[in-house]
Amino acid sequence: MPSPPALLGSPVLDGFLGTPAALTVPVGLFLLGYAAVIGWVGTRPRVDRAAVWGAVTLNSIWVVASVATVISGPFALTALGSAVILAQAVAVVLFAEWQFFALRRARRAA
């Protein structure tokens, strides 16, 4: 799935990645909002555990949806498009893992 910068370049990226603007624009808008919420949660003096679990869950769903998109082929993705989506999935797995381990560490420290 494309990142927020894809909002501006979605017509150009369509040709390079094979992701239609009808997908990149709404997904990009969602990601902008998601990043704002994650940034807000991360700057609180006391992090809400439920919010972090929500982020881990949404990140996990993102990874599954990304891999399913590449495997099932609902879009005419180029090789570069498939690589970008899978690379983002790997990055999101790392985010979810860091969030999960931070929750475990916080629980042990409490």
PDB file of N, CA and C in Angstrom:
ATOM      1  N   MET A   1       0.844  -1.177   0.000  1.00  0.00           N
ATOM      2  CA  MET A   1       0.000   0.000   0.000  1.00  0.00           C
ATOM      3  C   MET A   1       0.893   1.246   0.000  1.00  0.00           C
ATOM      4  N   PRO A   2       0.501   2.263  -0.685  1.00  0.00           N
ATOM      5  CA  PRO A   2       1.335   3.443  -0.827  1.00  0.00           C
ATOM      6  C   PRO A   2       1.346   4.324   0.415  1.00  0.00           C
ATOM      7  N   SER A   3       2.355   5.156   0.503  1.00  0.00           N
ATOM      8  CA  SER A   3       2.519   6.049   1.643  1.00  0.00           C
ATOM      9  C   SER A   3       1.912   7.412   1.346  1.00  0.00           C
ATOM     10  N   PRO A   4       1.764   8.278   2.383  1.00  0.00           N
ATOM     11  CA  PRO A   4       1.159   9.599   2.165  1.00  0.00           C
ATOM     12  C   PRO A   4       1.771  10.429   1.044  1.00  0.00           C
ATOM     13  N   PRO A   5       3.090  10.393   0.796  1.00  0.00           N
ATOM     14  CA  PRO A   5       3.595  11.170  -0.343  1.00  0.00           C
ATOM     15  C   PRO A   5       2.974  10.743  -1.677  1.00  0.00           C
ATOM     16  N   ALA A   6       2.419   9.559  -1.709  1.00  0.00           N
ATOM     17  CA  ALA A   6       1.763   9.097  -2.932  1.00  0.00           C
ATOM     18  C   ALA A   6       0.534   9.930  -3.262  1.00  0.00           C
ATOM     19  N   LEU A   7       0.033  10.668  -2.294  1.00  0.00           N
ATOM     20  CA  LEU A   7      -1.117  11.536  -2.555  1.00  0.00           C
ATOM     21  C   LEU A   7      -0.808  12.525  -3.668  1.00  0.00           C
ATOM     22  N   LEU A   8       0.362  13.115  -3.618  1.00  0.00           N
ATOM     23  CA  LEU A   8       0.724  14.124  -4.611  1.00  0.00           C
ATOM     24  C   LEU A   8       1.131  13.508  -5.940  1.00  0.00           C
ATOM     25  N   GLY A   9       1.728  12.355  -5.896  1.00  0.00           N
ATOM     26  CA  GLY A   9       2.249  11.754  -7.117  1.00  0.00           C
ATOM     27  C   GLY A   9       1.461  10.564  -7.608  1.00  0.00           C
ATOM     28  N   SER A  10       0.220  10.394  -7.144  1.00  0.00           N
ATOM     29  CA  SER A  10      -0.516   9.191  -7.507  1.00  0.00           C
ATOM     30  C   SER A  10      -0.691   8.989  -9.008  1.00  0.00           C
ATOM     31  N   PRO A  11      -0.923  10.025  -9.807  1.00  0.00           N
ATOM     32  CA  PRO A  11      -1.032   9.764 -11.250  1.00  0.00           C
ATOM     33  C   PRO A  11       0.271   9.236 -11.852  1.00  0.00           C
ATOM     34  N   VAL A  12       1.393   9.745 -11.383  1.00  0.00           N
ATOM     35  CA  VAL A  12       2.689   9.294 -11.897  1.00  0.00           C
ATOM     36  C   VAL A  12       3.003   7.898 -11.382  1.00  0.00           C
ATOM     37  N   LEU A  13       2.731   7.673 -10.096  1.00  0.00           N
ATOM     38  CA  LEU A  13       3.032   6.369  -9.499  1.00  0.00           C
ATOM     39  C   LEU A  13       2.193   5.254 -10.105  1.00  0.00           C
ATOM     40  N   ASP A  14       1.014   5.584 -10.575  1.00  0.00           N
ATOM     41  CA  ASP A  14       0.154   4.570 -11.174  1.00  0.00           C
ATOM     42  C   ASP A  14       0.902   3.804 -12.255  1.00  0.00           C
ATOM     43  N   GLY A  15       1.623   4.517 -13.104  1.00  0.00           N
ATOM     44  CA  GLY A  15       2.365   3.859 -14.170  1.00  0.00           C
ATOM     45  C   GLY A  15       3.561   3.065 -13.678  1.00  0.00           C
ATOM     46  N   PHE A  16       4.261   3.603 -12.685  1.00  0.00           N
ATOM     47  CA  PHE A  16       5.453   2.925 -12.170  1.00  0.00           C
ATOM     48  C   PHE A  16       5.114   1.720 -11.293  1.00  0.00           C
ATOM     49  N   LEU A  17       4.086   1.864 -10.468  1.00  0.00           N
ATOM     50  CA  LEU A  17       3.766   0.827  -9.491  1.00  0.00           C
ATOM     51  C   LEU A  17       2.588  -0.054  -9.884  1.00  0.00           C
ATOM     52  N   GLY A  18       1.717   0.490 -10.704  1.00  0.00           N
ATOM     53  CA  GLY A  18       0.517  -0.257 -11.064  1.00  0.00           C
ATOM     54  C   GLY A  18      -0.583  -0.126 -10.026  1.00  0.00           C
ATOM     55  N   THR A  19      -0.469   0.856  -9.142  1.00  0.00           N
ATOM     56  CA  THR A  19      -1.500   1.092  -8.132  1.00  0.00           C
ATOM     57  C   THR A  19      -2.387   2.238  -8.622  1.00  0.00           C
ATOM     58  N   PRO A  20      -3.675   2.008  -8.748  1.00  0.00           N
ATOM     59  CA  PRO A  20      -4.557   3.057  -9.258  1.00  0.00           C
ATOM     60  C   PRO A  20      -4.717   4.201  -8.262  1.00  0.00           C
ATOM     61  N   ALA A  21      -4.903   5.417  -8.787  1.00  0.00           N
ATOM     62  CA  ALA A  21      -5.108   6.584  -7.930  1.00  0.00           C
ATOM     63  C   ALA A  21      -6.321   6.389  -7.030  1.00  0.00           C
ATOM     64  N   ALA A  22      -7.299   5.626  -7.492  1.00  0.00           N
ATOM     65  CA  ALA A  22      -8.479   5.341  -6.671  1.00  0.00           C
ATOM     66  C   ALA A  22      -8.097   4.569  -5.405  1.00  0.00           C
ATOM     67  N   LEU A  23      -6.938   3.965  -5.391  1.00  0.00           N
ATOM     68  CA  LEU A  23      -6.431   3.276  -4.196  1.00  0.00           C
ATOM     69  C   LEU A  23      -5.449   4.160  -3.437  1.00  0.00           C
ATOM     70  N   THR A  24      -4.515   4.766  -4.148  1.00  0.00           N
ATOM     71  CA  THR A  24      -3.452   5.498  -3.456  1.00  0.00           C
ATOM     72  C   THR A  24      -3.960   6.727  -2.714  1.00  0.00           C
ATOM     73  N   VAL A  25      -4.931   7.425  -3.250  1.00  0.00           N
ATOM     74  CA  VAL A  25      -5.412   8.647  -2.589  1.00  0.00           C
ATOM     75  C   VAL A  25      -6.126   8.329  -1.269  1.00  0.00           C
ATOM     76  N   PRO A  26      -7.125   7.448  -1.233  1.00  0.00           N
ATOM     77  CA  PRO A  26      -7.763   7.168   0.061  1.00  0.00           C
ATOM     78  C   PRO A  26      -6.819   6.518   1.074  1.00  0.00           C
ATOM     79  N   VAL A  27      -5.946   5.642   0.597  1.00  0.00           N
ATOM     80  CA  VAL A  27      -4.997   5.011   1.507  1.00  0.00           C
ATOM     81  C   VAL A  27      -4.019   6.049   2.050  1.00  0.00           C
ATOM     82  N   GLY A  28      -3.567   6.934   1.190  1.00  0.00           N
ATOM     83  CA  GLY A  28      -2.672   8.013   1.631  1.00  0.00           C
ATOM     84  C   GLY A  28      -3.332   8.908   2.661  1.00  0.00           C
ATOM     85  N   LEU A  29      -4.601   9.246   2.461  1.00  0.00           N
ATOM     86  CA  LEU A  29      -5.337  10.066   3.433  1.00  0.00           C
ATOM     87  C   LEU A  29      -5.478   9.340   4.769  1.00  0.00           C
ATOM     88  N   PHE A  30      -5.797   8.047   4.710  1.00  0.00           N
ATOM     89  CA  PHE A  30      -5.880   7.252   5.937  1.00  0.00           C
ATOM     90  C   PHE A  30      -4.543   7.261   6.674  1.00  0.00           C
ATOM     91  N   LEU A  31      -3.448   7.080   5.929  1.00  0.00           N
ATOM     92  CA  LEU A  31      -2.133   7.025   6.562  1.00  0.00           C
ATOM     93  C   LEU A  31      -1.731   8.350   7.189  1.00  0.00           C
ATOM     94  N   LEU A  32      -2.144   9.465   6.587  1.00  0.00           N
ATOM     95  CA  LEU A  32      -1.869  10.768   7.203  1.00  0.00           C
ATOM     96  C   LEU A  32      -2.570  10.876   8.555  1.00  0.00           C
ATOM     97  N   GLY A  33      -3.823  10.483   8.599  1.00  0.00           N
ATOM     98  CA  GLY A  33      -4.559  10.498   9.867  1.00  0.00           C
ATOM     99  C   GLY A  33      -3.970   9.529  10.881  1.00  0.00           C
ATOM    100  N   TYR A  34      -3.615   8.350  10.424  1.00  0.00           N
ATOM    101  CA  TYR A  34      -3.035   7.330  11.297  1.00  0.00           C
ATOM    102  C   TYR A  34      -1.712   7.821  11.890  1.00  0.00           C
ATOM    103  N   ALA A  35      -0.886   8.435  11.055  1.00  0.00           N
ATOM    104  CA  ALA A  35       0.392   8.964  11.539  1.00  0.00           C
ATOM    105  C   ALA A  35       0.171  10.073  12.561  1.00  0.00           C
ATOM    106  N   ALA A  36      -0.834  10.896  12.358  1.00  0.00           N
ATOM    107  CA  ALA A  36      -1.136  11.965  13.320  1.00  0.00           C
ATOM    108  C   ALA A  36      -1.549  11.378  14.668  1.00  0.00           C
ATOM    109  N   VAL A  37      -2.387  10.361  14.640  1.00  0.00           N
ATOM    110  CA  VAL A  37      -2.823   9.726  15.894  1.00  0.00           C
ATOM    111  C   VAL A  37      -1.646   9.053  16.586  1.00  0.00           C
ATOM    112  N   ILE A  38      -0.831   8.323  15.843  1.00  0.00           N
ATOM    113  CA  ILE A  38       0.332   7.651  16.428  1.00  0.00           C
ATOM    114  C   ILE A  38       1.292   8.691  17.018  1.00  0.00           C
ATOM    115  N   GLY A  39       1.503   9.780  16.306  1.00  0.00           N
ATOM    116  CA  GLY A  39       2.364  10.847  16.829  1.00  0.00           C
ATOM    117  C   GLY A  39       1.809  11.437  18.111  1.00  0.00           C
ATOM    118  N   TRP A  40       0.511  11.648  18.153  1.00  0.00           N
ATOM    119  CA  TRP A  40      -0.122  12.200  19.356  1.00  0.00           C
ATOM    120  C   TRP A  40       0.003  11.227  20.524  1.00  0.00           C
ATOM    121  N   VAL A  41      -0.288   9.950  20.282  1.00  0.00           N
ATOM    122  CA  VAL A  41      -0.186   8.934  21.343  1.00  0.00           C
ATOM    123  C   VAL A  41       1.247   8.857  21.860  1.00  0.00           C
ATOM    124  N   GLY A  42       2.205   8.920  20.963  1.00  0.00           N
ATOM    125  CA  GLY A  42       3.612   8.792  21.346  1.00  0.00           C
ATOM    126  C   GLY A  42       4.167   9.981  22.111  1.00  0.00           C
ATOM    127  N   THR A  43       3.474  11.108  22.079  1.00  0.00           N
ATOM    128  CA  THR A  43       3.971  12.291  22.794  1.00  0.00           C
ATOM    129  C   THR A  43       3.285  12.510  24.134  1.00  0.00           C
ATOM    130  N   ARG A  44       2.394  11.631  24.509  1.00  0.00           N
ATOM    131  CA  ARG A  44       1.719  11.755  25.801  1.00  0.00           C
ATOM    132  C   ARG A  44       2.691  11.389  26.920  1.00  0.00           C
ATOM    133  N   PRO A  45       2.581  12.065  28.073  1.00  0.00           N
ATOM    134  CA  PRO A  45       3.457  11.722  29.208  1.00  0.00           C
ATOM    135  C   PRO A  45       3.291  10.265  29.645  1.00  0.00           C
ATOM    136  N   ARG A  46       2.073   9.771  29.527  1.00  0.00           N
ATOM    137  CA  ARG A  46       1.800   8.373  29.872  1.00  0.00           C
ATOM    138  C   ARG A  46       1.103   7.750  28.664  1.00  0.00           C
ATOM    139  N   VAL A  47       1.732   6.765  28.071  1.00  0.00           N
ATOM    140  CA  VAL A  47       1.199   6.143  26.859  1.00  0.00           C
ATOM    141  C   VAL A  47       0.059   5.201  27.221  1.00  0.00           C
ATOM    142  N   ASP A  48      -1.026   5.326  26.496  1.00  0.00           N
ATOM    143  CA  ASP A  48      -2.198   4.475  26.692  1.00  0.00           C
ATOM    144  C   ASP A  48      -1.929   3.097  26.078  1.00  0.00           C
ATOM    145  N   ARG A  49      -1.919   2.086  26.929  1.00  0.00           N
ATOM    146  CA  ARG A  49      -1.623   0.725  26.470  1.00  0.00           C
ATOM    147  C   ARG A  49      -2.626   0.254  25.420  1.00  0.00           C
ATOM    148  N   ALA A  50      -3.890   0.608  25.590  1.00  0.00           N
ATOM    149  CA  ALA A  50      -4.914   0.200  24.616  1.00  0.00           C
ATOM    150  C   ALA A  50      -4.633   0.819  23.250  1.00  0.00           C
ATOM    151  N   ALA A  51      -4.163   2.049  23.235  1.00  0.00           N
ATOM    152  CA  ALA A  51      -3.828   2.696  21.967  1.00  0.00           C
ATOM    153  C   ALA A  51      -2.658   1.992  21.294  1.00  0.00           C
ATOM    154  N   VAL A  52      -1.680   1.576  22.079  1.00  0.00           N
ATOM    155  CA  VAL A  52      -0.528   0.869  21.497  1.00  0.00           C
ATOM    156  C   VAL A  52      -0.967  -0.491  20.971  1.00  0.00           C
ATOM    157  N   TRP A  53      -1.821  -1.191  21.722  1.00  0.00           N
ATOM    158  CA  TRP A  53      -2.336  -2.474  21.234  1.00  0.00           C
ATOM    159  C   TRP A  53      -3.131  -2.260  19.949  1.00  0.00           C
ATOM    160  N   GLY A  54      -3.871  -1.161  19.879  1.00  0.00           N
ATOM    161  CA  GLY A  54      -4.595  -0.835  18.650  1.00  0.00           C
ATOM    162  C   GLY A  54      -3.645  -0.637  17.479  1.00  0.00           C
ATOM    163  N   ALA A  55      -2.527   0.044  17.738  1.00  0.00           N
ATOM    164  CA  ALA A  55      -1.525   0.259  16.684  1.00  0.00           C
ATOM    165  C   ALA A  55      -0.909  -1.066  16.244  1.00  0.00           C
ATOM    166  N   VAL A  56      -0.593  -1.930  17.199  1.00  0.00           N
ATOM    167  CA  VAL A  56      -0.022  -3.248  16.854  1.00  0.00           C
ATOM    168  C   VAL A  56      -1.020  -4.024  15.998  1.00  0.00           C
ATOM    169  N   THR A  57      -2.289  -3.979  16.383  1.00  0.00           N
ATOM    170  CA  THR A  57      -3.325  -4.694  15.633  1.00  0.00           C
ATOM    171  C   THR A  57      -3.482  -4.131  14.224  1.00  0.00           C
ATOM    172  N   LEU A  58      -3.596  -2.805  14.113  1.00  0.00           N
ATOM    173  CA  LEU A  58      -3.733  -2.193  12.786  1.00  0.00           C
ATOM    174  C   LEU A  58      -2.501  -2.438  11.921  1.00  0.00           C
ATOM    175  N   ASN A  59      -1.327  -2.398  12.524  1.00  0.00           N
ATOM    176  CA  ASN A  59      -0.106  -2.679  11.760  1.00  0.00           C
ATOM    177  C   ASN A  59      -0.105  -4.118  11.260  1.00  0.00           C
ATOM    178  N   SER A  60      -0.571  -5.035  12.084  1.00  0.00           N
ATOM    179  CA  SER A  60      -0.631  -6.442  11.675  1.00  0.00           C
ATOM    180  C   SER A  60      -1.617  -6.635  10.526  1.00  0.00           C
ATOM    181  N   ILE A  61      -2.759  -5.960  10.617  1.00  0.00           N
ATOM    182  CA  ILE A  61      -3.747  -6.033   9.533  1.00  0.00           C
ATOM    183  C   ILE A  61      -3.158  -5.455   8.247  1.00  0.00           C
ATOM    184  N   TRP A  62      -2.418  -4.357   8.390  1.00  0.00           N
ATOM    185  CA  TRP A  62      -1.781  -3.727   7.216  1.00  0.00           C
ATOM    186  C   TRP A  62      -0.847  -4.717   6.521  1.00  0.00           C
ATOM    187  N   VAL A  63      -0.052  -5.435   7.297  1.00  0.00           N
ATOM    188  CA  VAL A  63       0.912  -6.385   6.722  1.00  0.00           C
ATOM    189  C   VAL A  63       0.177  -7.496   5.983  1.00  0.00           C
ATOM    190  N   VAL A  64      -0.842  -8.059   6.615  1.00  0.00           N
ATOM    191  CA  VAL A  64      -1.602  -9.135   5.972  1.00  0.00           C
ATOM    192  C   VAL A  64      -2.259  -8.632   4.681  1.00  0.00           C
ATOM    193  N   ALA A  65      -2.851  -7.436   4.740  1.00  0.00           N
ATOM    194  CA  ALA A  65      -3.498  -6.868   3.547  1.00  0.00           C
ATOM    195  C   ALA A  65      -2.483  -6.586   2.443  1.00  0.00           C
ATOM    196  N   SER A  66      -1.292  -6.134   2.820  1.00  0.00           N
ATOM    197  CA  SER A  66      -0.260  -5.858   1.828  1.00  0.00           C
ATOM    198  C   SER A  66       0.177  -7.126   1.114  1.00  0.00           C
ATOM    199  N   VAL A  67       0.456  -8.161   1.881  1.00  0.00           N
ATOM    200  CA  VAL A  67       0.884  -9.428   1.283  1.00  0.00           C
ATOM    201  C   VAL A  67      -0.254 -10.017   0.444  1.00  0.00           C
ATOM    202  N   ALA A  68      -1.485  -9.942   0.946  1.00  0.00           N
ATOM    203  CA  ALA A  68      -2.630 -10.458   0.189  1.00  0.00           C
ATOM    204  C   ALA A  68      -2.808  -9.697  -1.117  1.00  0.00           C
ATOM    205  N   THR A  69      -2.565  -8.398  -1.104  1.00  0.00           N
ATOM    206  CA  THR A  69      -2.683  -7.594  -2.319  1.00  0.00           C
ATOM    207  C   THR A  69      -1.680  -8.050  -3.370  1.00  0.00           C
ATOM    208  N   VAL A  70      -0.470  -8.323  -2.939  1.00  0.00           N
ATOM    209  CA  VAL A  70       0.559  -8.770  -3.897  1.00  0.00           C
ATOM    210  C   VAL A  70       0.250 -10.184  -4.396  1.00  0.00           C
ATOM    211  N   ILE A  71      -0.169 -11.054  -3.491  1.00  0.00           N
ATOM    212  CA  ILE A  71      -0.406 -12.455  -3.877  1.00  0.00           C
ATOM    213  C   ILE A  71      -1.665 -12.612  -4.728  1.00  0.00           C
ATOM    214  N   SER A  72      -2.750 -11.969  -4.313  1.00  0.00           N
ATOM    215  CA  SER A  72      -4.024 -12.183  -5.002  1.00  0.00           C
ATOM    216  C   SER A  72      -4.137 -11.419  -6.311  1.00  0.00           C
ATOM    217  N   GLY A  73      -3.375 -10.342  -6.454  1.00  0.00           N
ATOM    218  CA  GLY A  73      -3.318  -9.618  -7.710  1.00  0.00           C
ATOM    219  C   GLY A  73      -4.574  -8.878  -8.138  1.00  0.00           C
ATOM    220  N   PRO A  74      -5.261  -8.159  -7.223  1.00  0.00           N
ATOM    221  CA  PRO A  74      -6.449  -7.423  -7.667  1.00  0.00           C
ATOM    222  C   PRO A  74      -6.103  -6.207  -8.530  1.00  0.00           C
ATOM    223  N   PHE A  75      -4.842  -5.793  -8.516  1.00  0.00           N
ATOM    224  CA  PHE A  75      -4.382  -4.662  -9.321  1.00  0.00           C
ATOM    225  C   PHE A  75      -3.265  -5.147 -10.233  1.00  0.00           C
ATOM    226  N   ALA A  76      -3.067  -4.438 -11.307  1.00  0.00           N
ATOM    227  CA  ALA A  76      -2.009  -4.789 -12.253  1.00  0.00           C
ATOM    228  C   ALA A  76      -0.690  -4.195 -11.763  1.00  0.00           C
ATOM    229  N   LEU A  77      -0.199  -4.709 -10.641  1.00  0.00           N
ATOM    230  CA  LEU A  77       1.043  -4.196 -10.062  1.00  0.00           C
ATOM    231  C   LEU A  77       2.228  -4.525 -10.961  1.00  0.00           C
ATOM    232  N   THR A  78       3.136  -3.586 -11.041  1.00  0.00           N
ATOM    233  CA  THR A  78       4.395  -3.856 -11.718  1.00  0.00           C
ATOM    234  C   THR A  78       5.304  -4.584 -10.727  1.00  0.00           C
ATOM    235  N   ALA A  79       6.440  -5.048 -11.195  1.00  0.00           N
ATOM    236  CA  ALA A  79       7.401  -5.680 -10.283  1.00  0.00           C
ATOM    237  C   ALA A  79       7.835  -4.679  -9.223  1.00  0.00           C
ATOM    238  N   LEU A  80       8.048  -3.426  -9.624  1.00  0.00           N
ATOM    239  CA  LEU A  80       8.409  -2.387  -8.660  1.00  0.00           C
ATOM    240  C   LEU A  80       7.281  -2.158  -7.663  1.00  0.00           C
ATOM    241  N   GLY A  81       6.045  -2.152  -8.139  1.00  0.00           N
ATOM    242  CA  GLY A  81       4.902  -1.977  -7.243  1.00  0.00           C
ATOM    243  C   GLY A  81       4.823  -3.081  -6.208  1.00  0.00           C
ATOM    244  N   SER A  82       5.007  -4.308  -6.628  1.00  0.00           N
ATOM    245  CA  SER A  82       5.007  -5.437  -5.682  1.00  0.00           C
ATOM    246  C   SER A  82       6.145  -5.297  -4.679  1.00  0.00           C
ATOM    247  N   ALA A  83       7.314  -4.905  -5.158  1.00  0.00           N
ATOM    248  CA  ALA A  83       8.472  -4.740  -4.269  1.00  0.00           C
ATOM    249  C   ALA A  83       8.230  -3.630  -3.247  1.00  0.00           C
ATOM    250  N   VAL A  84       7.642  -2.527  -3.684  1.00  0.00           N
ATOM    251  CA  VAL A  84       7.370  -1.412  -2.766  1.00  0.00           C
ATOM    252  C   VAL A  84       6.366  -1.841  -1.700  1.00  0.00           C
ATOM    253  N   ILE A  85       5.306  -2.517  -2.112  1.00  0.00           N
ATOM    254  CA  ILE A  85       4.295  -2.958  -1.147  1.00  0.00           C
ATOM    255  C   ILE A  85       4.894  -3.940  -0.152  1.00  0.00           C
ATOM    256  N   LEU A  86       5.695  -4.876  -0.619  1.00  0.00           N
ATOM    257  CA  LEU A  86       6.312  -5.847   0.297  1.00  0.00           C
ATOM    258  C   LEU A  86       7.354  -5.182   1.201  1.00  0.00           C
ATOM    259  N   ALA A  87       8.099  -4.210   0.681  1.00  0.00           N
ATOM    260  CA  ALA A  87       9.069  -3.494   1.522  1.00  0.00           C
ATOM    261  C   ALA A  87       8.347  -2.717   2.624  1.00  0.00           C
ATOM    262  N   GLN A  88       7.220  -2.094   2.290  1.00  0.00           N
ATOM    263  CA  GLN A  88       6.448  -1.397   3.312  1.00  0.00           C
ATOM    264  C   GLN A  88       5.921  -2.383   4.346  1.00  0.00           C
ATOM    265  N   ALA A  89       5.502  -3.560   3.905  1.00  0.00           N
ATOM    266  CA  ALA A  89       5.010  -4.573   4.841  1.00  0.00           C
ATOM    267  C   ALA A  89       6.110  -4.967   5.825  1.00  0.00           C
ATOM    268  N   VAL A  90       7.331  -5.115   5.338  1.00  0.00           N
ATOM    269  CA  VAL A  90       8.456  -5.447   6.223  1.00  0.00           C
ATOM    270  C   VAL A  90       8.679  -4.321   7.235  1.00  0.00           C
ATOM    271  N   ALA A  91       8.639  -3.084   6.781  1.00  0.00           N
ATOM    272  CA  ALA A  91       8.815  -1.943   7.694  1.00  0.00           C
ATOM    273  C   ALA A  91       7.721  -1.917   8.747  1.00  0.00           C
ATOM    274  N   VAL A  92       6.493  -2.190   8.345  1.00  0.00           N
ATOM    275  CA  VAL A  92       5.373  -2.162   9.290  1.00  0.00           C
ATOM    276  C   VAL A  92       5.475  -3.326  10.285  1.00  0.00           C
ATOM    277  N   VAL A  93       5.975  -4.471   9.836  1.00  0.00           N
ATOM    278  CA  VAL A  93       6.217  -5.581  10.771  1.00  0.00           C
ATOM    279  C   VAL A  93       7.199  -5.135  11.855  1.00  0.00           C
ATOM    280  N   LEU A  94       8.236  -4.426  11.465  1.00  0.00           N
ATOM    281  CA  LEU A  94       9.214  -3.941  12.447  1.00  0.00           C
ATOM    282  C   LEU A  94       8.575  -2.951  13.416  1.00  0.00           C
ATOM    283  N   PHE A  95       7.732  -2.050  12.909  1.00  0.00           N
ATOM    284  CA  PHE A  95       7.030  -1.122  13.801  1.00  0.00           C
ATOM    285  C   PHE A  95       6.171  -1.877  14.806  1.00  0.00           C
ATOM    286  N   ALA A  96       5.401  -2.844  14.328  1.00  0.00           N
ATOM    287  CA  ALA A  96       4.528  -3.622  15.213  1.00  0.00           C
ATOM    288  C   ALA A  96       5.353  -4.384  16.247  1.00  0.00           C
ATOM    289  N   GLU A  97       6.475  -4.932  15.813  1.00  0.00           N
ATOM    290  CA  GLU A  97       7.341  -5.671  16.742  1.00  0.00           C
ATOM    291  C   GLU A  97       7.901  -4.741  17.818  1.00  0.00           C
ATOM    292  N   TRP A  98       8.371  -3.557  17.429  1.00  0.00           N
ATOM    293  CA  TRP A  98       8.903  -2.601  18.407  1.00  0.00           C
ATOM    294  C   TRP A  98       7.813  -2.172  19.386  1.00  0.00           C
ATOM    295  N   GLN A  99       6.619  -1.941  18.878  1.00  0.00           N
ATOM    296  CA  GLN A  99       5.516  -1.542  19.747  1.00  0.00           C
ATOM    297  C   GLN A  99       5.177  -2.664  20.726  1.00  0.00           C
ATOM    298  N   PHE A 100       5.131  -3.881  20.234  1.00  0.00           N
ATOM    299  CA  PHE A 100       4.814  -5.027  21.090  1.00  0.00           C
ATOM    300  C   PHE A 100       5.869  -5.201  22.176  1.00  0.00           C
ATOM    301  N   PHE A 101       7.139  -5.145  21.808  1.00  0.00           N
ATOM    302  CA  PHE A 101       8.196  -5.312  22.806  1.00  0.00           C
ATOM    303  C   PHE A 101       8.226  -4.155  23.795  1.00  0.00           C
ATOM    304  N   ALA A 102       7.880  -2.957  23.347  1.00  0.00           N
ATOM    305  CA  ALA A 102       7.797  -1.822  24.275  1.00  0.00           C
ATOM    306  C   ALA A 102       6.691  -2.047  25.291  1.00  0.00           C
ATOM    307  N   LEU A 103       5.572  -2.613  24.871  1.00  0.00           N
ATOM    308  CA  LEU A 103       4.499  -2.920  25.813  1.00  0.00           C
ATOM    309  C   LEU A 103       4.949  -3.972  26.828  1.00  0.00           C
ATOM    310  N   ARG A 104       5.643  -4.989  26.366  1.00  0.00           N
ATOM    311  CA  ARG A 104       6.123  -6.036  27.280  1.00  0.00           C
ATOM    312  C   ARG A 104       7.121  -5.462  28.282  1.00  0.00           C
ATOM    313  N   ARG A 105       8.026  -4.603  27.805  1.00  0.00           N
ATOM    314  CA  ARG A 105       9.013  -4.003  28.675  1.00  0.00           C
ATOM    315  C   ARG A 105       8.342  -3.100  29.707  1.00  0.00           C
ATOM    316  N   ALA A 106       7.351  -2.346  29.279  1.00  0.00           N
ATOM    317  CA  ALA A 106       6.629  -1.453  30.199  1.00  0.00           C
ATOM    318  C   ALA A 106       5.886  -2.259  31.252  1.00  0.00           C
ATOM    319  N   ARG A 107       5.342  -3.398  30.868  1.00  0.00           N
ATOM    320  CA  ARG A 107       4.631  -4.245  31.829  1.00  0.00           C
ATOM    321  C   ARG A 107       5.583  -4.810  32.873  1.00  0.00           C
ATOM    322  N   ARG A 108       6.776  -5.216  32.424  1.00  0.00           N
ATOM    323  CA  ARG A 108       7.764  -5.731  33.389  1.00  0.00           C
ATOM    324  C   ARG A 108       8.269  -4.652  34.323  1.00  0.00           C
ATOM    325  N   ALA A 109       8.367  -3.423  33.833  1.00  0.00           N
ATOM    326  CA  ALA A 109       8.873  -2.334  34.652  1.00  0.00           C
ATOM    327  C   ALA A 109       7.840  -1.859  35.674  1.00  0.00           C
ATOM    328  N   ALA A 110       6.565  -2.147  35.395  1.00  0.00           N
ATOM    329  CA  ALA A 110       5.492  -1.663  36.308  1.00  0.00           C
ATOM    330  C   ALA A 110       5.360  -2.514  37.542  1.00  0.00           C
TER     331      ALA A 110
END
